[in-house]
């Protein structure tokens, strides 16, 4: 069962996505801010991270940079920042994919599975 670290400061979104992802066969750990995300990551390295950019304490971009300094775990940015420059910055920071809110949960699940397949196939 793939383990997802879901990082978002919006409790209703975390709860809804946690429910959906568990129903789709994923194990889910959540964090509500960047500092908690980094702590959760070190407690148990997930198979993939869903990462919001606008987080309290440590923003999502900084979380991505810190994790990329020592890990290649797949990261999907899931954020309301929808300008092309935001997308480019996120992908250049190390994200494997970038989705904007609002989003279709079926598409998100498909993207998660796609990223996990590509990551598993990487030697």
PDB file of N, CA and C in Angstrom:
ATOM      1  N   UNK A   1       0.854  -1.182   0.000  1.00  0.00           N
ATOM      2  CA  UNK A   1       0.000   0.000   0.000  1.00  0.00           C
ATOM      3  C   UNK A   1       0.897   1.241   0.000  1.00  0.00           C
ATOM      4  N   UNK A   2       0.846   2.053  -1.064  1.00  0.00           N
ATOM      5  CA  UNK A   2       1.682   3.257  -1.128  1.00  0.00           C
ATOM      6  C   UNK A   2       1.317   4.254  -0.022  1.00  0.00           C
ATOM      7  N   UNK A   3       2.358   4.864   0.532  1.00  0.00           N
ATOM      8  CA  UNK A   3       2.193   5.828   1.621  1.00  0.00           C
ATOM      9  C   UNK A   3       2.323   7.251   1.081  1.00  0.00           C
ATOM     10  N   UNK A   4       1.273   8.058   1.314  1.00  0.00           N
ATOM     11  CA  UNK A   4       1.209   9.446   0.869  1.00  0.00           C
ATOM     12  C   UNK A   4       1.371  10.368   2.070  1.00  0.00           C
ATOM     13  N   UNK A   5       2.249  11.357   1.949  1.00  0.00           N
ATOM     14  CA  UNK A   5       2.312  12.447   2.927  1.00  0.00           C
ATOM     15  C   UNK A   5       1.570  13.613   2.298  1.00  0.00           C
ATOM     16  N   UNK A   6       0.431  13.969   2.876  1.00  0.00           N
ATOM     17  CA  UNK A   6      -0.428  15.043   2.384  1.00  0.00           C
ATOM     18  C   UNK A   6      -0.193  16.282   3.240  1.00  0.00           C
ATOM     19  N   UNK A   7       0.292  17.349   2.615  1.00  0.00           N
ATOM     20  CA  UNK A   7       0.642  18.570   3.338  1.00  0.00           C
ATOM     21  C   UNK A   7      -0.224  19.714   2.836  1.00  0.00           C
ATOM     22  N   UNK A   8      -1.147  20.170   3.686  1.00  0.00           N
ATOM     23  CA  UNK A   8      -2.031  21.283   3.335  1.00  0.00           C
ATOM     24  C   UNK A   8      -2.543  21.903   4.624  1.00  0.00           C
ATOM     25  N   UNK A   9      -2.656  23.229   4.640  1.00  0.00           N
ATOM     26  CA  UNK A   9      -3.113  23.903   5.856  1.00  0.00           C
ATOM     27  C   UNK A   9      -4.635  23.974   5.966  1.00  0.00           C
ATOM     28  N   UNK A  10      -5.364  23.546   4.946  1.00  0.00           N
ATOM     29  CA  UNK A  10      -6.824  23.567   4.979  1.00  0.00           C
ATOM     30  C   UNK A  10      -7.352  22.226   5.485  1.00  0.00           C
ATOM     31  N   UNK A  11      -7.873  22.223   6.718  1.00  0.00           N
ATOM     32  CA  UNK A  11      -8.345  20.978   7.339  1.00  0.00           C
ATOM     33  C   UNK A  11      -9.421  20.268   6.510  1.00  0.00           C
ATOM     34  N   UNK A  12     -10.436  20.972   5.986  1.00  0.00           N
ATOM     35  CA  UNK A  12     -11.451  20.257   5.199  1.00  0.00           C
ATOM     36  C   UNK A  12     -10.865  19.545   3.975  1.00  0.00           C
ATOM     37  N   UNK A  13      -9.905  20.168   3.317  1.00  0.00           N
ATOM     38  CA  UNK A  13      -9.268  19.546   2.161  1.00  0.00           C
ATOM     39  C   UNK A  13      -8.457  18.326   2.595  1.00  0.00           C
ATOM     40  N   UNK A  14      -7.704  18.453   3.682  1.00  0.00           N
ATOM     41  CA  UNK A  14      -6.930  17.308   4.186  1.00  0.00           C
ATOM     42  C   UNK A  14      -7.849  16.136   4.489  1.00  0.00           C
ATOM     43  N   UNK A  15      -8.968  16.421   5.164  1.00  0.00           N
ATOM     44  CA  UNK A  15      -9.898  15.352   5.543  1.00  0.00           C
ATOM     45  C   UNK A  15     -10.523  14.705   4.315  1.00  0.00           C
ATOM     46  N   UNK A  16     -10.956  15.502   3.375  1.00  0.00           N
ATOM     47  CA  UNK A  16     -11.586  14.987   2.161  1.00  0.00           C
ATOM     48  C   UNK A  16     -10.605  14.155   1.336  1.00  0.00           C
ATOM     49  N   UNK A  17      -9.402  14.675   1.137  1.00  0.00           N
ATOM     50  CA  UNK A  17      -8.410  13.946   0.356  1.00  0.00           C
ATOM     51  C   UNK A  17      -7.946  12.682   1.068  1.00  0.00           C
ATOM     52  N   UNK A  18      -7.817  12.753   2.379  1.00  0.00           N
ATOM     53  CA  UNK A  18      -7.430  11.569   3.145  1.00  0.00           C
ATOM     54  C   UNK A  18      -8.462  10.468   2.933  1.00  0.00           C
ATOM     55  N   UNK A  19      -9.728  10.811   3.031  1.00  0.00           N
ATOM     56  CA  UNK A  19     -10.807   9.846   2.821  1.00  0.00           C
ATOM     57  C   UNK A  19     -10.710   9.228   1.419  1.00  0.00           C
ATOM     58  N   UNK A  20     -10.590  10.082   0.404  1.00  0.00           N
ATOM     59  CA  UNK A  20     -10.535   9.621  -0.985  1.00  0.00           C
ATOM     60  C   UNK A  20      -9.318   8.734  -1.223  1.00  0.00           C
ATOM     61  N   UNK A  21      -8.161   9.174  -0.763  1.00  0.00           N
ATOM     62  CA  UNK A  21      -6.939   8.416  -0.999  1.00  0.00           C
ATOM     63  C   UNK A  21      -6.972   7.062  -0.294  1.00  0.00           C
ATOM     64  N   UNK A  22      -7.481   7.033   0.920  1.00  0.00           N
ATOM     65  CA  UNK A  22      -7.591   5.749   1.628  1.00  0.00           C
ATOM     66  C   UNK A  22      -8.543   4.811   0.895  1.00  0.00           C
ATOM     67  N   UNK A  23      -9.632   5.361   0.388  1.00  0.00           N
ATOM     68  CA  UNK A  23     -10.598   4.571  -0.376  1.00  0.00           C
ATOM     69  C   UNK A  23      -9.954   4.000  -1.644  1.00  0.00           C
ATOM     70  N   UNK A  24      -8.972   4.732  -2.183  1.00  0.00           N
ATOM     71  CA  UNK A  24      -8.269   4.300  -3.397  1.00  0.00           C
ATOM     72  C   UNK A  24      -7.072   3.391  -3.093  1.00  0.00           C
ATOM     73  N   UNK A  25      -6.890   3.046  -1.820  1.00  0.00           N
ATOM     74  CA  UNK A  25      -5.844   2.088  -1.463  1.00  0.00           C
ATOM     75  C   UNK A  25      -4.526   2.668  -1.014  1.00  0.00           C
ATOM     76  N   UNK A  26      -4.512   3.940  -0.655  1.00  0.00           N
ATOM     77  CA  UNK A  26      -3.293   4.576  -0.173  1.00  0.00           C
ATOM     78  C   UNK A  26      -3.319   4.694   1.349  1.00  0.00           C
ATOM     79  N   UNK A  27      -2.167   4.631   1.943  1.00  0.00           N
ATOM     80  CA  UNK A  27      -2.009   4.967   3.355  1.00  0.00           C
ATOM     81  C   UNK A  27      -1.671   6.457   3.391  1.00  0.00           C
ATOM     82  N   UNK A  28      -2.264   7.196   4.313  1.00  0.00           N
ATOM     83  CA  UNK A  28      -2.092   8.654   4.311  1.00  0.00           C
ATOM     84  C   UNK A  28      -1.640   9.157   5.684  1.00  0.00           C
ATOM     85  N   UNK A  29      -0.612   9.992   5.663  1.00  0.00           N
ATOM     86  CA  UNK A  29      -0.179  10.770   6.821  1.00  0.00           C
ATOM     87  C   UNK A  29      -0.363  12.220   6.426  1.00  0.00           C
ATOM     88  N   UNK A  30      -0.812  13.056   7.369  1.00  0.00           N
ATOM     89  CA  UNK A  30      -1.042  14.461   7.036  1.00  0.00           C
ATOM     90  C   UNK A  30      -0.158  15.386   7.864  1.00  0.00           C
ATOM     91  N   UNK A  31       0.026  16.581   7.319  1.00  0.00           N
ATOM     92  CA  UNK A  31       0.720  17.661   8.020  1.00  0.00           C
ATOM     93  C   UNK A  31       0.028  18.957   7.617  1.00  0.00           C
ATOM     94  N   UNK A  32      -0.089  19.880   8.573  1.00  0.00           N
ATOM     95  CA  UNK A  32      -0.804  21.124   8.316  1.00  0.00           C
ATOM     96  C   UNK A  32       0.110  22.322   8.074  1.00  0.00           C
ATOM     97  N   UNK A  33       1.416  22.139   8.211  1.00  0.00           N
ATOM     98  CA  UNK A  33       2.363  23.222   7.945  1.00  0.00           C
ATOM     99  C   UNK A  33       3.695  22.624   7.501  1.00  0.00           C
ATOM    100  N   UNK A  34       4.564  23.479   7.012  1.00  0.00           N
ATOM    101  CA  UNK A  34       5.833  23.005   6.468  1.00  0.00           C
ATOM    102  C   UNK A  34       6.729  22.343   7.488  1.00  0.00           C
ATOM    103  N   UNK A  35       6.782  22.885   8.674  1.00  0.00           N
ATOM    104  CA  UNK A  35       7.635  22.305   9.724  1.00  0.00           C
ATOM    105  C   UNK A  35       7.158  20.901  10.078  1.00  0.00           C
ATOM    106  N   UNK A  36       5.847  20.730  10.226  1.00  0.00           N
ATOM    107  CA  UNK A  36       5.287  19.407  10.525  1.00  0.00           C
ATOM    108  C   UNK A  36       5.541  18.438   9.382  1.00  0.00           C
ATOM    109  N   UNK A  37       5.492  18.938   8.154  1.00  0.00           N
ATOM    110  CA  UNK A  37       5.746  18.086   6.987  1.00  0.00           C
ATOM    111  C   UNK A  37       7.152  17.503   7.037  1.00  0.00           C
ATOM    112  N   UNK A  38       8.122  18.336   7.357  1.00  0.00           N
ATOM    113  CA  UNK A  38       9.505  17.876   7.420  1.00  0.00           C
ATOM    114  C   UNK A  38       9.668  16.862   8.557  1.00  0.00           C
ATOM    115  N   UNK A  39       9.028  17.115   9.685  1.00  0.00           N
ATOM    116  CA  UNK A  39       9.090  16.161  10.806  1.00  0.00           C
ATOM    117  C   UNK A  39       8.454  14.830  10.422  1.00  0.00           C
ATOM    118  N   UNK A  40       7.276  14.885   9.789  1.00  0.00           N
ATOM    119  CA  UNK A  40       6.595  13.662   9.368  1.00  0.00           C
ATOM    120  C   UNK A  40       7.453  12.897   8.362  1.00  0.00           C
ATOM    121  N   UNK A  41       8.101  13.616   7.463  1.00  0.00           N
ATOM    122  CA  UNK A  41       8.960  12.982   6.470  1.00  0.00           C
ATOM    123  C   UNK A  41      10.075  12.191   7.149  1.00  0.00           C
ATOM    124  N   UNK A  42      10.691  12.779   8.163  1.00  0.00           N
ATOM    125  CA  UNK A  42      11.795  12.109   8.854  1.00  0.00           C
ATOM    126  C   UNK A  42      11.319  10.951   9.732  1.00  0.00           C
ATOM    127  N   UNK A  43      10.080  11.025  10.205  1.00  0.00           N
ATOM    128  CA  UNK A  43       9.525   9.910  10.984  1.00  0.00           C
ATOM    129  C   UNK A  43       9.360   8.676  10.120  1.00  0.00           C
ATOM    130  N   UNK A  44       8.822   8.889   8.931  1.00  0.00           N
ATOM    131  CA  UNK A  44       8.580   7.788   7.998  1.00  0.00           C
ATOM    132  C   UNK A  44       8.564   8.342   6.579  1.00  0.00           C
ATOM    133  N   UNK A  45       9.539   7.955   5.812  1.00  0.00           N
ATOM    134  CA  UNK A  45       9.640   8.456   4.439  1.00  0.00           C
ATOM    135  C   UNK A  45       8.463   7.919   3.625  1.00  0.00           C
ATOM    136  N   UNK A  46       7.689   8.822   3.036  1.00  0.00           N
ATOM    137  CA  UNK A  46       6.535   8.386   2.242  1.00  0.00           C
ATOM    138  C   UNK A  46       6.967   7.939   0.846  1.00  0.00           C
ATOM    139  N   UNK A  47       6.032   7.335   0.130  1.00  0.00           N
ATOM    140  CA  UNK A  47       6.283   6.971  -1.265  1.00  0.00           C
ATOM    141  C   UNK A  47       6.071   8.166  -2.180  1.00  0.00           C
ATOM    142  N   UNK A  48       5.244   9.122  -1.733  1.00  0.00           N
ATOM    143  CA  UNK A  48       4.954  10.326  -2.513  1.00  0.00           C
ATOM    144  C   UNK A  48       4.450  11.416  -1.576  1.00  0.00           C
ATOM    145  N   UNK A  49       4.703  12.666  -1.937  1.00  0.00           N
ATOM    146  CA  UNK A  49       4.253  13.810  -1.146  1.00  0.00           C
ATOM    147  C   UNK A  49       3.316  14.658  -1.996  1.00  0.00           C
ATOM    148  N   UNK A  50       2.154  15.008  -1.432  1.00  0.00           N
ATOM    149  CA  UNK A  50       1.264  16.006  -2.025  1.00  0.00           C
ATOM    150  C   UNK A  50       1.493  17.269  -1.221  1.00  0.00           C
ATOM    151  N   UNK A  51       1.966  18.316  -1.864  1.00  0.00           N
ATOM    152  CA  UNK A  51       2.484  19.474  -1.154  1.00  0.00           C
ATOM    153  C   UNK A  51       1.849  20.781  -1.616  1.00  0.00           C
ATOM    154  N   UNK A  52       1.168  21.454  -0.690  1.00  0.00           N
ATOM    155  CA  UNK A  52       0.647  22.802  -0.952  1.00  0.00           C
ATOM    156  C   UNK A  52       1.818  23.774  -0.876  1.00  0.00           C
ATOM    157  N   UNK A  53       1.756  24.873  -1.587  1.00  0.00           N
ATOM    158  CA  UNK A  53       2.822  25.866  -1.540  1.00  0.00           C
ATOM    159  C   UNK A  53       2.626  26.891  -0.434  1.00  0.00           C
ATOM    160  N   UNK A  54       1.387  27.316  -0.229  1.00  0.00           N
ATOM    161  CA  UNK A  54       1.123  28.368   0.747  1.00  0.00           C
ATOM    162  C   UNK A  54       0.835  27.745   2.108  1.00  0.00           C
ATOM    163  N   UNK A  55       1.920  27.552   2.875  1.00  0.00           N
ATOM    164  CA  UNK A  55       1.833  26.916   4.187  1.00  0.00           C
ATOM    165  C   UNK A  55       2.364  27.850   5.260  1.00  0.00           C
ATOM    166  N   UNK A  56       1.851  27.727   6.473  1.00  0.00           N
ATOM    167  CA  UNK A  56       2.424  28.494   7.579  1.00  0.00           C
ATOM    168  C   UNK A  56       3.781  27.931   7.997  1.00  0.00           C
ATOM    169  N   UNK A  57       4.546  28.744   8.668  1.00  0.00           N
ATOM    170  CA  UNK A  57       5.871  28.427   9.224  1.00  0.00           C
ATOM    171  C   UNK A  57       6.930  28.273   8.139  1.00  0.00           C
ATOM    172  N   UNK A  58       6.896  27.196   7.394  1.00  0.00           N
ATOM    173  CA  UNK A  58       7.825  26.969   6.294  1.00  0.00           C
ATOM    174  C   UNK A  58       6.975  26.737   5.052  1.00  0.00           C
ATOM    175  N   UNK A  59       7.156  27.556   4.009  1.00  0.00           N
ATOM    176  CA  UNK A  59       6.288  27.399   2.834  1.00  0.00           C
ATOM    177  C   UNK A  59       6.645  26.139   2.038  1.00  0.00           C
ATOM    178  N   UNK A  60       5.749  25.752   1.160  1.00  0.00           N
ATOM    179  CA  UNK A  60       5.906  24.519   0.413  1.00  0.00           C
ATOM    180  C   UNK A  60       7.131  24.487  -0.476  1.00  0.00           C
ATOM    181  N   UNK A  61       7.501  25.631  -1.036  1.00  0.00           N
ATOM    182  CA  UNK A  61       8.692  25.682  -1.878  1.00  0.00           C
ATOM    183  C   UNK A  61       9.933  25.339  -1.053  1.00  0.00           C
ATOM    184  N   UNK A  62      10.016  25.886   0.147  1.00  0.00           N
ATOM    185  CA  UNK A  62      11.150  25.599   1.039  1.00  0.00           C
ATOM    186  C   UNK A  62      11.144  24.128   1.460  1.00  0.00           C
ATOM    187  N   UNK A  63       9.966  23.582   1.729  1.00  0.00           N
ATOM    188  CA  UNK A  63       9.862  22.160   2.068  1.00  0.00           C
ATOM    189  C   UNK A  63      10.411  21.325   0.910  1.00  0.00           C
ATOM    190  N   UNK A  64      10.018  21.660  -0.294  1.00  0.00           N
ATOM    191  CA  UNK A  64      10.484  20.942  -1.476  1.00  0.00           C
ATOM    192  C   UNK A  64      12.008  21.014  -1.578  1.00  0.00           C
ATOM    193  N   UNK A  65      12.582  22.189  -1.450  1.00  0.00           N
ATOM    194  CA  UNK A  65      14.035  22.347  -1.544  1.00  0.00           C
ATOM    195  C   UNK A  65      14.744  21.534  -0.475  1.00  0.00           C
ATOM    196  N   UNK A  66      14.225  21.592   0.769  1.00  0.00           N
ATOM    197  CA  UNK A  66      14.869  20.849   1.865  1.00  0.00           C
ATOM    198  C   UNK A  66      14.832  19.345   1.620  1.00  0.00           C
ATOM    199  N   UNK A  67      13.705  18.854   1.155  1.00  0.00           N
ATOM    200  CA  UNK A  67      13.594  17.411   0.902  1.00  0.00           C
ATOM    201  C   UNK A  67      14.459  17.013  -0.288  1.00  0.00           C
ATOM    202  N   UNK A  68      14.477  17.835  -1.316  1.00  0.00           N
ATOM    203  CA  UNK A  68      15.294  17.536  -2.496  1.00  0.00           C
ATOM    204  C   UNK A  68      16.793  17.535  -2.189  1.00  0.00           C
ATOM    205  N   UNK A  69      17.202  18.163  -1.104  1.00  0.00           N
ATOM    206  CA  UNK A  69      18.610  18.192  -0.735  1.00  0.00           C
ATOM    207  C   UNK A  69      19.140  16.798  -0.401  1.00  0.00           C
ATOM    208  N   UNK A  70      18.246  15.862  -0.040  1.00  0.00           N
ATOM    209  CA  UNK A  70      18.713  14.531   0.348  1.00  0.00           C
ATOM    210  C   UNK A  70      17.808  13.387  -0.114  1.00  0.00           C
ATOM    211  N   UNK A  71      16.735  13.681  -0.838  1.00  0.00           N
ATOM    212  CA  UNK A  71      15.802  12.625  -1.227  1.00  0.00           C
ATOM    213  C   UNK A  71      15.212  12.891  -2.611  1.00  0.00           C
ATOM    214  N   UNK A  72      14.917  11.815  -3.315  1.00  0.00           N
ATOM    215  CA  UNK A  72      14.253  11.956  -4.610  1.00  0.00           C
ATOM    216  C   UNK A  72      12.820  11.434  -4.553  1.00  0.00           C
ATOM    217  N   UNK A  73      12.223  11.392  -3.350  1.00  0.00           N
ATOM    218  CA  UNK A  73      10.831  10.962  -3.223  1.00  0.00           C
ATOM    219  C   UNK A  73       9.965  11.835  -4.133  1.00  0.00           C
ATOM    220  N   UNK A  74       9.014  11.245  -4.854  1.00  0.00           N
ATOM    221  CA  UNK A  74       8.166  12.045  -5.738  1.00  0.00           C
ATOM    222  C   UNK A  74       7.350  13.096  -4.975  1.00  0.00           C
ATOM    223  N   UNK A  75       7.261  14.270  -5.566  1.00  0.00           N
ATOM    224  CA  UNK A  75       6.501  15.379  -4.986  1.00  0.00           C
ATOM    225  C   UNK A  75       5.534  15.913  -6.037  1.00  0.00           C
ATOM    226  N   UNK A  76       4.258  15.977  -5.659  1.00  0.00           N
ATOM    227  CA  UNK A  76       3.242  16.605  -6.490  1.00  0.00           C
ATOM    228  C   UNK A  76       2.783  17.855  -5.762  1.00  0.00           C
ATOM    229  N   UNK A  77       2.981  19.000  -6.360  1.00  0.00           N
ATOM    230  CA  UNK A  77       2.511  20.242  -5.764  1.00  0.00           C
ATOM    231  C   UNK A  77       1.034  20.392  -6.080  1.00  0.00           C
ATOM    232  N   UNK A  78       0.281  20.715  -5.051  1.00  0.00           N
ATOM    233  CA  UNK A  78      -1.175  20.834  -5.143  1.00  0.00           C
ATOM    234  C   UNK A  78      -1.525  22.176  -4.527  1.00  0.00           C
ATOM    235  N   UNK A  79      -1.767  23.187  -5.373  1.00  0.00           N
ATOM    236  CA  UNK A  79      -1.816  24.548  -4.866  1.00  0.00           C
ATOM    237  C   UNK A  79      -2.780  25.436  -5.651  1.00  0.00           C
ATOM    238  N   UNK A  80      -3.144  26.536  -5.043  1.00  0.00           N
ATOM    239  CA  UNK A  80      -3.992  27.528  -5.709  1.00  0.00           C
ATOM    240  C   UNK A  80      -3.172  28.456  -6.606  1.00  0.00           C
ATOM    241  N   UNK A  81      -1.858  28.412  -6.482  1.00  0.00           N
ATOM    242  CA  UNK A  81      -1.003  29.267  -7.308  1.00  0.00           C
ATOM    243  C   UNK A  81      -1.012  28.725  -8.730  1.00  0.00           C
ATOM    244  N   UNK A  82      -1.666  29.470  -9.622  1.00  0.00           N
ATOM    245  CA  UNK A  82      -1.883  28.938 -10.958  1.00  0.00           C
ATOM    246  C   UNK A  82      -1.226  29.722 -12.092  1.00  0.00           C
ATOM    247  N   UNK A  83      -0.368  30.669 -11.778  1.00  0.00           N
ATOM    248  CA  UNK A  83       0.346  31.392 -12.832  1.00  0.00           C
ATOM    249  C   UNK A  83       1.430  30.496 -13.411  1.00  0.00           C
ATOM    250  N   UNK A  84       1.712  30.693 -14.677  1.00  0.00           N
ATOM    251  CA  UNK A  84       2.757  29.898 -15.318  1.00  0.00           C
ATOM    252  C   UNK A  84       4.075  30.000 -14.563  1.00  0.00           C
ATOM    253  N   UNK A  85       4.399  31.191 -14.087  1.00  0.00           N
ATOM    254  CA  UNK A  85       5.668  31.371 -13.370  1.00  0.00           C
ATOM    255  C   UNK A  85       5.704  30.535 -12.083  1.00  0.00           C
ATOM    256  N   UNK A  86       4.555  30.379 -11.408  1.00  0.00           N
ATOM    257  CA  UNK A  86       4.493  29.544 -10.205  1.00  0.00           C
ATOM    258  C   UNK A  86       4.732  28.081 -10.568  1.00  0.00           C
ATOM    259  N   UNK A  87       4.100  27.638 -11.651  1.00  0.00           N
ATOM    260  CA  UNK A  87       4.252  26.245 -12.092  1.00  0.00           C
ATOM    261  C   UNK A  87       5.702  25.955 -12.458  1.00  0.00           C
ATOM    262  N   UNK A  88       6.298  26.858 -13.207  1.00  0.00           N
ATOM    263  CA  UNK A  88       7.690  26.680 -13.615  1.00  0.00           C
ATOM    264  C   UNK A  88       8.601  26.656 -12.398  1.00  0.00           C
ATOM    265  N   UNK A  89       8.392  27.574 -11.486  1.00  0.00           N
ATOM    266  CA  UNK A  89       9.215  27.638 -10.269  1.00  0.00           C
ATOM    267  C   UNK A  89       9.087  26.347  -9.458  1.00  0.00           C
ATOM    268  N   UNK A  90       7.852  25.834  -9.338  1.00  0.00           N
ATOM    269  CA  UNK A  90       7.636  24.603  -8.584  1.00  0.00           C
ATOM    270  C   UNK A  90       8.312  23.408  -9.220  1.00  0.00           C
ATOM    271  N   UNK A  91       8.186  23.293 -10.538  1.00  0.00           N
ATOM    272  CA  UNK A  91       8.822  22.175 -11.237  1.00  0.00           C
ATOM    273  C   UNK A  91      10.345  22.295 -11.196  1.00  0.00           C
ATOM    274  N   UNK A  92      10.851  23.517 -11.315  1.00  0.00           N
ATOM    275  CA  UNK A  92      12.302  23.708 -11.240  1.00  0.00           C
ATOM    276  C   UNK A  92      12.846  23.483  -9.833  1.00  0.00           C
ATOM    277  N   UNK A  93      11.994  23.646  -8.817  1.00  0.00           N
ATOM    278  CA  UNK A  93      12.417  23.398  -7.437  1.00  0.00           C
ATOM    279  C   UNK A  93      12.516  21.903  -7.143  1.00  0.00           C
ATOM    280  N   UNK A  94      11.946  21.083  -8.037  1.00  0.00           N
ATOM    281  CA  UNK A  94      12.066  19.647  -7.831  1.00  0.00           C
ATOM    282  C   UNK A  94      10.766  18.873  -7.819  1.00  0.00           C
ATOM    283  N   UNK A  95       9.639  19.548  -8.029  1.00  0.00           N
ATOM    284  CA  UNK A  95       8.363  18.828  -8.069  1.00  0.00           C
ATOM    285  C   UNK A  95       8.314  17.943  -9.305  1.00  0.00           C
ATOM    286  N   UNK A  96       7.663  16.800  -9.160  1.00  0.00           N
ATOM    287  CA  UNK A  96       7.493  15.880 -10.286  1.00  0.00           C
ATOM    288  C   UNK A  96       6.231  16.198 -11.082  1.00  0.00           C
ATOM    289  N   UNK A  97       5.289  16.856 -10.439  1.00  0.00           N
ATOM    290  CA  UNK A  97       4.044  17.252 -11.095  1.00  0.00           C
ATOM    291  C   UNK A  97       3.483  18.450 -10.342  1.00  0.00           C
ATOM    292  N   UNK A  98       2.527  19.136 -10.964  1.00  0.00           N
ATOM    293  CA  UNK A  98       1.973  20.368 -10.393  1.00  0.00           C
ATOM    294  C   UNK A  98       0.504  20.429 -10.781  1.00  0.00           C
ATOM    295  N   UNK A  99      -0.372  20.465  -9.787  1.00  0.00           N
ATOM    296  CA  UNK A  99      -1.815  20.590 -10.030  1.00  0.00           C
ATOM    297  C   UNK A  99      -2.332  21.813  -9.302  1.00  0.00           C
ATOM    298  N   UNK A 100      -3.277  22.500  -9.933  1.00  0.00           N
ATOM    299  CA  UNK A 100      -3.851  23.678  -9.297  1.00  0.00           C
ATOM    300  C   UNK A 100      -5.235  23.369  -8.731  1.00  0.00           C
ATOM    301  N   UNK A 101      -5.548  24.081  -7.652  1.00  0.00           N
ATOM    302  CA  UNK A 101      -6.868  23.988  -7.021  1.00  0.00           C
ATOM    303  C   UNK A 101      -7.796  24.965  -7.724  1.00  0.00           C
ATOM    304  N   UNK A 102      -9.045  24.639  -7.885  1.00  0.00           N
ATOM    305  CA  UNK A 102      -9.680  23.356  -7.565  1.00  0.00           C
ATOM    306  C   UNK A 102      -9.246  22.292  -8.572  1.00  0.00           C
ATOM    307  N   UNK A 103      -9.363  21.039  -8.177  1.00  0.00           N
ATOM    308  CA  UNK A 103      -8.897  19.945  -9.015  1.00  0.00           C
ATOM    309  C   UNK A 103      -9.910  18.810  -8.973  1.00  0.00           C
ATOM    310  N   UNK A 104      -9.791  17.925  -9.936  1.00  0.00           N
ATOM    311  CA  UNK A 104     -10.618  16.737 -10.005  1.00  0.00           C
ATOM    312  C   UNK A 104      -9.885  15.631  -9.242  1.00  0.00           C
ATOM    313  N   UNK A 105     -10.515  15.048  -8.233  1.00  0.00           N
ATOM    314  CA  UNK A 105      -9.830  14.046  -7.414  1.00  0.00           C
ATOM    315  C   UNK A 105      -9.464  12.797  -8.209  1.00  0.00           C
ATOM    316  N   UNK A 106     -10.276  12.440  -9.186  1.00  0.00           N
ATOM    317  CA  UNK A 106      -9.944  11.271 -10.013  1.00  0.00           C
ATOM    318  C   UNK A 106      -8.673  11.537 -10.819  1.00  0.00           C
ATOM    319  N   UNK A 107      -8.546  12.760 -11.321  1.00  0.00           N
ATOM    320  CA  UNK A 107      -7.325  13.117 -12.042  1.00  0.00           C
ATOM    321  C   UNK A 107      -6.129  13.105 -11.104  1.00  0.00           C
ATOM    322  N   UNK A 108      -6.300  13.633  -9.890  1.00  0.00           N
ATOM    323  CA  UNK A 108      -5.206  13.634  -8.922  1.00  0.00           C
ATOM    324  C   UNK A 108      -4.745  12.209  -8.632  1.00  0.00           C
ATOM    325  N   UNK A 109      -5.674  11.310  -8.385  1.00  0.00           N
ATOM    326  CA  UNK A 109      -5.321   9.907  -8.103  1.00  0.00           C
ATOM    327  C   UNK A 109      -4.586   9.308  -9.301  1.00  0.00           C
ATOM    328  N   UNK A 110      -5.048   9.600 -10.512  1.00  0.00           N
ATOM    329  CA  UNK A 110      -4.385   9.099 -11.716  1.00  0.00           C
ATOM    330  C   UNK A 110      -2.962   9.648 -11.822  1.00  0.00           C
ATOM    331  N   UNK A 111      -2.783  10.924 -11.509  1.00  0.00           N
ATOM    332  CA  UNK A 111      -1.440  11.530 -11.558  1.00  0.00           C
ATOM    333  C   UNK A 111      -0.527  10.922 -10.495  1.00  0.00           C
ATOM    334  N   UNK A 112      -1.063  10.685  -9.297  1.00  0.00           N
ATOM    335  CA  UNK A 112      -0.268  10.057  -8.233  1.00  0.00           C
ATOM    336  C   UNK A 112       0.220   8.686  -8.709  1.00  0.00           C
ATOM    337  N   UNK A 113      -0.693   7.902  -9.246  1.00  0.00           N
ATOM    338  CA  UNK A 113      -0.315   6.566  -9.717  1.00  0.00           C
ATOM    339  C   UNK A 113       0.703   6.644 -10.853  1.00  0.00           C
ATOM    340  N   UNK A 114       0.538   7.609 -11.735  1.00  0.00           N
ATOM    341  CA  UNK A 114       1.473   7.787 -12.839  1.00  0.00           C
ATOM    342  C   UNK A 114       2.871   8.144 -12.327  1.00  0.00           C
ATOM    343  N   UNK A 115       2.948   9.077 -11.413  1.00  0.00           N
ATOM    344  CA  UNK A 115       4.238   9.485 -10.862  1.00  0.00           C
ATOM    345  C   UNK A 115       4.886   8.306 -10.131  1.00  0.00           C
ATOM    346  N   UNK A 116       4.093   7.552  -9.373  1.00  0.00           N
ATOM    347  CA  UNK A 116       4.640   6.397  -8.665  1.00  0.00           C
ATOM    348  C   UNK A 116       5.164   5.339  -9.641  1.00  0.00           C
ATOM    349  N   UNK A 117       4.454   5.122 -10.741  1.00  0.00           N
ATOM    350  CA  UNK A 117       4.923   4.164 -11.752  1.00  0.00           C
ATOM    351  C   UNK A 117       6.261   4.601 -12.347  1.00  0.00           C
ATOM    352  N   UNK A 118       6.352   5.870 -12.721  1.00  0.00           N
ATOM    353  CA  UNK A 118       7.600   6.398 -13.295  1.00  0.00           C
ATOM    354  C   UNK A 118       8.738   6.304 -12.298  1.00  0.00           C
ATOM    355  N   UNK A 119       8.448   6.623 -11.049  1.00  0.00           N
ATOM    356  CA  UNK A 119       9.484   6.589 -10.014  1.00  0.00           C
ATOM    357  C   UNK A 119       9.973   5.158  -9.773  1.00  0.00           C
ATOM    358  N   UNK A 120       9.041   4.203  -9.771  1.00  0.00           N
ATOM    359  CA  UNK A 120       9.398   2.800  -9.557  1.00  0.00           C
ATOM    360  C   UNK A 120      10.226   2.259 -10.721  1.00  0.00           C
ATOM    361  N   UNK A 121      10.003   2.784 -11.910  1.00  0.00           N
ATOM    362  CA  UNK A 121      10.709   2.314 -13.089  1.00  0.00           C
ATOM    363  C   UNK A 121      12.114   2.924 -13.228  1.00  0.00           C
ATOM    364  N   UNK A 122      12.401   3.940 -12.430  1.00  0.00           N
ATOM    365  CA  UNK A 122      13.701   4.598 -12.491  1.00  0.00           C
ATOM    366  C   UNK A 122      14.743   3.733 -11.795  1.00  0.00           C
ATOM    367  N   UNK A 123      15.844   3.438 -12.498  1.00  0.00           N
ATOM    368  CA  UNK A 123      16.879   2.577 -11.882  1.00  0.00           C
ATOM    369  C   UNK A 123      17.603   3.263 -10.743  1.00  0.00           C
TER     370      UNK A 123
END
